[in-house]
């Protein structure tokens, strides 16, 4: 992007911020700001058009069976791209380019821990996204471009990279609160512990490779794992020790509807959230309002340089993006995995 264009975007962005601040401080009798001048209004998004112009050939829109499911960030000129894995369902995968051409695409590798997929886009004229060398700062503009002439949305960085714990999942036990050791008092019907054959009175002595002596330790360890993952428990029953693999599961709807199942219900009340909205090793938080299908594309600064990859819309005012260093590391890991798979 030219220096003139960059300066224009920055000036317009400052003007938008000043208008928003002034409007919020005015008396209620003053006419409301026109909706097209809201932060994600049409007129405001046009102010950031130079950013879209600089990035739109580095982004594709992914469809599965003709339905749009996610954006993808171009990493190499030969069409390797990263996207949000959990939004890509089974079916015919295609990609729409900024030239309004639809081309074939395919998944090459997936990182389940960070919910990222490596995709090959079979299209011409693709340009690798440019990555920012500077760290993000709280309060800076966060722009979500797509393949259109104007961005999909704009927001503000609200928190620096940090770990985002997963939505709570359960092994399905209740502890004996009178016992000093982590002893099972009851099993939740239909959850992993009951299915694995655990019984009332069993004592947990180890979770994976970590020895435990009280229930608080067990709860803290389990809290870091998400639905569908397997924990290996070592237990003691009648003086004998044995091991069981326990699959973590969400609470039954009968309990979750009363708010026992974590924070996801609150997020859904505030609008559509991503299929997987939590559980990332490092994530930047910004306040952009994104539909789930807008994840997978880059989050960029006013220079059109990517500071991260949008990975989840978690609530009305929270969207997460994997920071640039983590994204580049994942790309290297997934690329190597794809090469190994192709050679096998």
Protein backbone atom coordinates (compact mmCIF):
# COMPACT_ATOMS: atom_id res chain seq x y z
CA UNK A 1 0.00 0.00 0.00
CA UNK A 2 1.35 3.45 -0.84
CA UNK A 3 2.33 5.93 1.87
CA UNK A 4 -0.43 8.24 0.62
CA UNK A 5 -3.04 5.48 0.98
CA UNK A 6 -1.77 4.53 4.42
CA UNK A 7 -1.91 8.14 5.55
CA UNK A 8 -5.42 8.48 4.18
CA UNK A 9 -6.63 5.40 6.07
CA UNK A 10 -5.06 6.60 9.32
CA UNK A 11 -6.60 10.03 9.00
CA UNK A 12 -10.02 8.57 8.26
CA UNK A 13 -9.70 6.08 11.10
CA UNK A 14 -8.90 8.92 13.50
CA UNK A 15 -11.88 10.86 12.23
CA UNK A 16 -14.16 7.85 12.77
CA UNK A 17 -12.88 7.48 16.34
CA UNK A 18 -13.41 11.17 17.07
CA UNK A 19 -16.93 11.13 15.63
CA UNK A 20 -17.82 8.06 17.70
CA UNK A 21 -16.39 9.61 20.87
CA UNK A 22 -18.17 12.92 20.30
CA UNK A 23 -21.46 11.20 19.55
CA UNK A 24 -21.28 9.10 22.70
CA UNK A 25 -20.74 12.19 24.84
CA UNK A 26 -23.55 14.29 23.37
CA UNK A 27 -26.87 14.94 25.02
CA UNK A 28 -29.64 12.46 24.23
CA UNK A 29 -31.61 15.23 22.53
CA UNK A 30 -29.04 15.42 19.73
CA UNK A 31 -30.04 13.31 16.67
CA UNK A 32 -28.42 9.86 16.67
CA UNK A 33 -25.47 9.12 14.42
CA UNK A 34 -26.54 7.64 11.09
CA UNK A 35 -26.16 3.85 11.07
CA UNK A 36 -23.89 3.92 8.03
CA UNK A 37 -21.42 5.88 10.15
CA UNK A 38 -21.31 3.31 12.95
CA UNK A 39 -18.01 1.50 13.31
CA UNK A 40 -19.16 -1.30 11.00
CA UNK A 41 -21.42 0.91 8.91
CA UNK A 42 -21.04 1.16 5.14
CA UNK A 43 -19.51 4.64 5.18
CA UNK A 44 -17.01 3.75 7.89
CA UNK A 45 -15.93 0.56 6.13
CA UNK A 46 -15.34 2.55 2.94
CA UNK A 47 -12.80 4.60 4.89
CA UNK A 48 -10.72 1.43 5.21
CA UNK A 49 -11.01 0.47 1.51
CA UNK A 50 -7.25 0.94 0.86
CA UNK A 51 -6.56 -1.79 3.41
CA UNK A 52 -8.90 -4.18 1.58
CA UNK A 53 -7.32 -3.29 -1.73
CA UNK A 54 -3.91 -4.26 -0.34
CA UNK A 55 -5.06 -7.59 1.13
CA UNK A 56 -7.98 -9.01 -0.89
CA UNK A 57 -5.76 -11.15 -3.16
CA UNK A 58 -4.31 -12.72 0.00
CA UNK A 59 -7.71 -14.03 1.12
CA UNK A 60 -10.22 -16.52 -0.27
CA UNK A 61 -13.76 -17.37 0.77
CA UNK A 62 -14.31 -21.09 1.33
CA UNK A 63 -17.52 -22.89 0.41
CA UNK A 64 -18.62 -26.42 1.22
CA UNK A 65 -21.33 -27.67 -1.13
CA UNK A 66 -21.90 -24.05 -2.27
CA UNK A 67 -22.43 -22.73 1.29
CA UNK A 68 -19.88 -20.23 2.63
CA UNK A 69 -18.21 -21.60 5.78
CA UNK A 70 -15.00 -19.60 6.37
CA UNK A 71 -12.31 -17.32 5.03
CA UNK A 72 -8.74 -18.52 4.44
CA UNK A 73 -5.42 -16.70 4.62
CA UNK A 74 -3.02 -17.22 1.71
CA UNK A 75 0.45 -18.20 2.93
CA UNK A 76 2.24 -18.96 -0.38
CA UNK A 77 1.82 -17.88 -4.00
CA UNK A 78 1.11 -21.49 -5.04
CA UNK A 79 -2.09 -21.54 -3.00
CA UNK A 80 -1.27 -22.89 0.45
CA UNK A 81 -3.62 -21.26 2.94
CA UNK A 82 -4.70 -21.51 6.58
CA UNK A 83 -8.28 -21.48 7.82
CA UNK A 84 -10.46 -22.44 10.81
CA UNK A 85 -10.67 -26.23 10.79
CA UNK A 86 -13.92 -26.83 12.68
CA UNK A 87 -15.96 -24.80 10.20
CA UNK A 88 -14.93 -27.04 7.28
CA UNK A 89 -17.43 -29.89 7.11
CA UNK A 90 -17.49 -32.86 4.75
CA UNK A 91 -18.42 -32.06 1.17
CA UNK A 92 -17.09 -30.41 -1.97
CA UNK A 93 -14.65 -27.66 -0.95
CA UNK A 94 -14.22 -24.68 -3.26
CA UNK A 95 -12.75 -21.20 -2.91
CA UNK A 96 -13.95 -17.86 -4.22
CA UNK A 97 -11.19 -15.46 -5.24
CA UNK A 98 -11.18 -11.66 -5.26
CA UNK A 99 -11.57 -11.93 -9.05
CA UNK A 100 -15.03 -13.52 -8.44
CA UNK A 101 -13.76 -16.83 -9.78
CA UNK A 102 -14.57 -20.10 -7.99
CA UNK A 103 -11.79 -22.72 -7.90
CA UNK A 104 -11.25 -26.12 -6.29
CA UNK A 105 -9.65 -26.46 -2.86
CA UNK A 106 -8.62 -29.33 -0.61
CA UNK A 107 -7.61 -29.86 3.02
CA UNK A 108 -4.03 -31.11 3.42
CA UNK A 109 -3.52 -31.19 7.21
CA UNK A 110 -5.19 -30.14 10.46
CA UNK A 111 -4.05 -29.00 13.89
CA UNK A 112 -6.86 -29.89 16.27
CA UNK A 113 -5.30 -28.16 19.27
CA UNK A 114 -5.46 -24.71 17.65
CA UNK A 115 -8.35 -25.50 15.27
CA UNK A 116 -6.34 -24.62 12.14
CA UNK A 117 -6.39 -26.40 8.77
CA UNK A 118 -3.90 -26.19 5.91
CA UNK A 119 -5.71 -25.87 2.58
CA UNK A 120 -4.53 -25.96 -1.01
CA UNK A 121 -6.36 -23.44 -3.22
CA UNK A 122 -6.05 -24.21 -6.93
CA UNK A 123 -6.28 -20.67 -8.25
CA UNK A 124 -4.16 -18.06 -10.04
CA UNK A 125 -3.00 -14.64 -8.87
CA UNK A 126 -2.78 -15.41 -5.18
CA UNK A 127 -0.42 -13.36 -3.03
CA UNK A 128 0.94 -14.37 0.39
CA UNK A 129 -0.34 -12.19 3.19
CA UNK A 130 2.22 -9.75 4.59
CA UNK A 131 2.90 -10.27 8.29
CA UNK A 132 3.48 -7.40 10.70
CA UNK A 133 6.85 -7.33 12.42
CA UNK A 134 5.64 -5.23 15.36
CA UNK A 135 3.66 -6.56 18.31
CA UNK A 136 0.02 -5.56 18.68
CA UNK A 137 -1.04 -2.92 21.20
CA UNK A 138 -4.27 -2.57 23.12
CA UNK A 139 -6.37 0.13 21.49
CA UNK A 140 -5.04 -0.22 17.94
CA UNK A 141 -7.35 -0.74 14.99
CA UNK A 142 -8.12 -4.36 14.07
CA UNK A 143 -9.43 -4.82 10.53
CA UNK A 144 -11.01 -7.96 9.09
CA UNK A 145 -10.75 -7.80 5.30
CA UNK A 146 -12.33 -10.24 2.87
CA UNK A 147 -12.35 -10.52 -0.89
CA UNK A 148 -14.55 -7.44 -1.36
CA UNK A 149 -13.49 -3.83 -1.98
CA UNK A 150 -14.20 -2.87 1.64
CA UNK A 151 -13.47 -4.76 4.88
CA UNK A 152 -15.98 -7.12 6.41
CA UNK A 153 -15.63 -5.41 9.79
CA UNK A 154 -13.37 -3.25 11.94
CA UNK A 155 -12.71 -3.25 15.66
CA UNK A 156 -10.17 -2.49 18.36
CA UNK A 157 -7.57 -4.73 20.02
CA UNK A 158 -8.84 -5.21 23.59
CA UNK A 159 -6.34 -7.71 25.05
CA UNK A 160 -2.83 -8.90 24.23
CA UNK A 161 -2.07 -12.58 23.42
CA UNK A 162 -2.97 -14.89 26.26
CA UNK A 163 -4.18 -18.43 26.83
CA UNK A 164 -7.89 -19.03 26.32
CA UNK A 165 -9.15 -21.99 28.30
CA UNK A 166 -11.56 -24.40 26.60
CA UNK A 167 -15.29 -24.60 27.27
CA UNK A 168 -15.67 -26.79 30.31
CA UNK A 169 -15.98 -30.53 29.72
CA UNK A 170 -16.52 -33.25 32.29
CA UNK A 171 -15.47 -36.80 33.14
CA UNK A 172 -18.79 -37.24 34.95
CA UNK A 173 -18.07 -37.76 38.64
CA UNK A 174 -19.03 -36.18 41.94
CA UNK A 175 -16.44 -36.24 44.72
CA UNK A 176 -16.95 -37.27 48.33
CA UNK A 177 -16.56 -33.90 50.03
CA UNK A 178 -15.81 -35.57 53.37
CA UNK A 179 -12.84 -37.51 52.01
CA UNK A 180 -9.35 -36.00 52.01
CA UNK A 181 -8.37 -37.90 48.85
CA UNK A 182 -10.18 -37.58 45.45
CA UNK A 183 -12.74 -40.31 46.09
CA UNK A 184 -15.78 -40.80 43.86
CA UNK A 185 -19.14 -40.38 45.60
CA UNK A 186 -21.40 -40.63 42.55
CA UNK A 187 -21.33 -40.98 38.77
CA UNK A 188 -23.22 -38.83 36.26
CA UNK A 189 -25.37 -40.96 34.01
CA UNK A 190 -24.21 -41.21 30.41
CA UNK A 191 -20.86 -39.47 30.87
CA UNK A 192 -17.38 -40.88 30.37
CA UNK A 193 -16.68 -42.15 33.89
CA UNK A 194 -19.82 -44.28 33.99
CA UNK A 195 -19.17 -45.60 30.47
CA UNK A 196 -15.61 -46.59 31.45
CA UNK A 197 -16.86 -48.62 34.42
CA UNK A 198 -15.78 -46.41 37.33
CA UNK A 199 -17.59 -47.02 40.60
CA UNK A 200 -18.56 -45.23 43.78
CA UNK A 201 -15.64 -45.41 46.21
CA UNK A 202 -12.89 -45.46 43.55
CA UNK A 203 -9.99 -43.12 44.37
CA UNK A 204 -8.14 -41.20 41.64
CA UNK A 205 -4.37 -41.33 42.17
CA UNK A 206 -3.11 -40.00 38.83
CA UNK A 207 -4.43 -38.01 35.86
CA UNK A 208 -2.36 -38.65 32.74
CA UNK A 209 1.22 -38.36 34.04
CA UNK A 210 0.41 -36.20 37.09
CA UNK A 211 -0.07 -37.68 40.55
CA UNK A 212 -2.96 -36.21 42.57
CA UNK A 213 -3.79 -36.27 46.27
CA UNK A 214 -6.95 -34.15 46.46
CA UNK A 215 -10.02 -33.30 44.38
CA UNK A 216 -8.91 -29.71 43.68
CA UNK A 217 -5.89 -31.02 41.76
CA UNK A 218 -8.10 -33.25 39.63
CA UNK A 219 -10.52 -30.42 38.86
CA UNK A 220 -7.70 -28.07 37.86
CA UNK A 221 -6.12 -30.62 35.51
CA UNK A 222 -9.41 -31.55 33.85
CA UNK A 223 -10.23 -27.86 33.33
CA UNK A 224 -7.48 -27.58 30.71
CA UNK A 225 -8.96 -30.26 28.44
CA UNK A 226 -11.84 -29.90 26.00
CA UNK A 227 -14.78 -32.02 24.91
CA UNK A 228 -13.79 -35.16 23.04
CA UNK A 229 -10.28 -35.46 24.47
CA UNK A 230 -9.22 -38.56 26.42
CA UNK A 231 -7.79 -38.55 29.94
CA UNK A 232 -5.96 -41.55 31.36
CA UNK A 233 -6.91 -42.03 35.01
CA UNK A 234 -5.11 -44.30 37.42
CA UNK A 235 -7.48 -45.38 40.17
CA UNK A 236 -7.46 -47.39 43.36
CA UNK A 237 -10.24 -49.83 44.23
CA UNK A 238 -10.13 -52.22 47.19
CA UNK A 239 -6.38 -51.79 47.48
CA UNK A 240 -5.72 -52.55 43.79
CA UNK A 241 -4.68 -49.96 41.20
CA UNK A 242 -5.85 -49.92 37.58
CA UNK A 243 -6.10 -47.50 34.64
CA UNK A 244 -9.04 -46.29 32.58
CA UNK A 245 -9.32 -43.98 29.57
CA UNK A 246 -12.10 -41.43 30.09
CA UNK A 247 -13.59 -39.34 27.28
CA UNK A 248 -14.48 -35.79 28.29
CA UNK A 249 -18.05 -34.82 27.46
CA UNK A 250 -20.38 -31.82 27.92
CA UNK A 251 -23.04 -31.95 30.59
CA UNK A 252 -26.45 -33.32 29.59
CA UNK A 253 -28.88 -30.68 28.36
CA UNK A 254 -30.95 -31.13 31.52
CA UNK A 255 -28.06 -29.70 33.56
CA UNK A 256 -26.48 -27.39 30.97
CA UNK A 257 -29.69 -25.40 30.57
CA UNK A 258 -29.36 -24.29 34.18
CA UNK A 259 -25.94 -22.73 33.48
CA UNK A 260 -23.71 -25.57 34.68
CA UNK A 261 -22.09 -26.13 31.30
CA UNK A 262 -19.70 -23.18 31.08
CA UNK A 263 -19.92 -19.81 29.32
CA UNK A 264 -21.10 -20.81 25.87
CA UNK A 265 -24.79 -20.24 26.57
CA UNK A 266 -24.14 -16.61 27.46
CA UNK A 267 -22.22 -16.10 24.23
CA UNK A 268 -25.05 -17.55 22.17
CA UNK A 269 -27.49 -15.12 23.76
CA UNK A 270 -25.35 -12.32 22.37
CA UNK A 271 -25.34 -13.62 18.79
CA UNK A 272 -23.88 -16.43 16.70
CA UNK A 273 -20.63 -17.82 18.09
CA UNK A 274 -18.13 -20.13 16.44
CA UNK A 275 -18.55 -23.90 16.67
CA UNK A 276 -15.35 -23.91 18.67
CA UNK A 277 -14.93 -20.59 20.43
CA UNK A 278 -12.44 -21.35 23.21
CA UNK A 279 -9.38 -23.44 24.03
CA UNK A 280 -6.41 -21.75 22.35
CA UNK A 281 -2.82 -21.65 23.55
CA UNK A 282 -2.41 -17.97 22.62
CA UNK A 283 -4.98 -15.52 21.27
CA UNK A 284 -5.36 -11.80 20.71
CA UNK A 285 -8.77 -10.49 21.74
CA UNK A 286 -10.56 -7.78 19.78
CA UNK A 287 -14.08 -6.40 19.91
CA UNK A 288 -15.01 -6.85 16.24
CA UNK A 289 -18.45 -8.37 15.68
CA UNK A 290 -17.89 -11.26 13.25
CA UNK A 291 -20.15 -13.97 11.93
CA UNK A 292 -18.55 -17.42 12.38
CA UNK A 293 -17.88 -17.75 8.63
CA UNK A 294 -15.62 -14.68 8.76
CA UNK A 295 -13.04 -16.60 10.81
CA UNK A 296 -10.02 -18.10 9.11
CA UNK A 297 -8.95 -14.88 7.43
CA UNK A 298 -6.29 -12.44 8.58
CA UNK A 299 -6.65 -9.71 11.17
CA UNK A 300 -4.68 -6.74 9.83
CA UNK A 301 -3.44 -3.33 10.94
CA UNK A 302 -3.75 0.01 9.15
CA UNK A 303 -0.73 -0.86 7.00
CA UNK A 304 -2.51 -3.94 5.64
CA UNK A 305 -0.14 -6.25 7.50
CA UNK A 306 -1.52 -9.27 9.32
CA UNK A 307 -1.16 -9.31 13.10
CA UNK A 308 -3.05 -12.57 13.47
CA UNK A 309 -5.56 -15.05 12.07
CA UNK A 310 -9.18 -14.72 13.20
CA UNK A 311 -9.98 -18.03 14.87
CA UNK A 312 -13.25 -17.62 16.81
CA UNK A 313 -16.14 -15.31 17.52
CA UNK A 314 -16.74 -16.00 21.21
CA UNK A 315 -19.38 -13.46 22.27
CA UNK A 316 -20.98 -10.16 21.33
CA UNK A 317 -17.81 -8.20 22.16
CA UNK A 318 -15.09 -10.86 21.94
CA UNK A 319 -13.37 -12.29 18.88
CA UNK A 320 -10.09 -14.18 19.11
CA UNK A 321 -7.18 -14.19 16.67
CA UNK A 322 -4.12 -16.40 16.82
CA UNK A 323 -1.06 -14.09 16.94
CA UNK A 324 1.27 -13.91 13.93
CA UNK A 325 4.22 -15.85 15.45
CA UNK A 326 1.94 -18.77 16.38
CA UNK A 327 0.28 -18.76 12.95
CA UNK A 328 3.63 -18.91 11.15
CA UNK A 329 4.77 -21.74 13.42
CA UNK A 330 1.56 -23.68 12.74
CA UNK A 331 2.02 -23.20 9.01
CA UNK A 332 5.49 -24.72 9.14
CA UNK A 333 4.24 -27.63 11.22
CA UNK A 334 1.25 -28.33 8.98
CA UNK A 335 3.30 -27.97 5.79
CA UNK A 336 5.77 -30.57 7.02
CA UNK A 337 2.90 -32.85 8.01
CA UNK A 338 1.37 -32.52 4.53
CA UNK A 339 4.70 -33.37 2.88
CA UNK A 340 5.11 -36.47 5.05
CA UNK A 341 1.58 -37.57 4.26
CA UNK A 342 2.09 -37.07 0.53
CA UNK A 343 5.30 -39.13 0.64
CA UNK A 344 3.81 -42.04 2.54
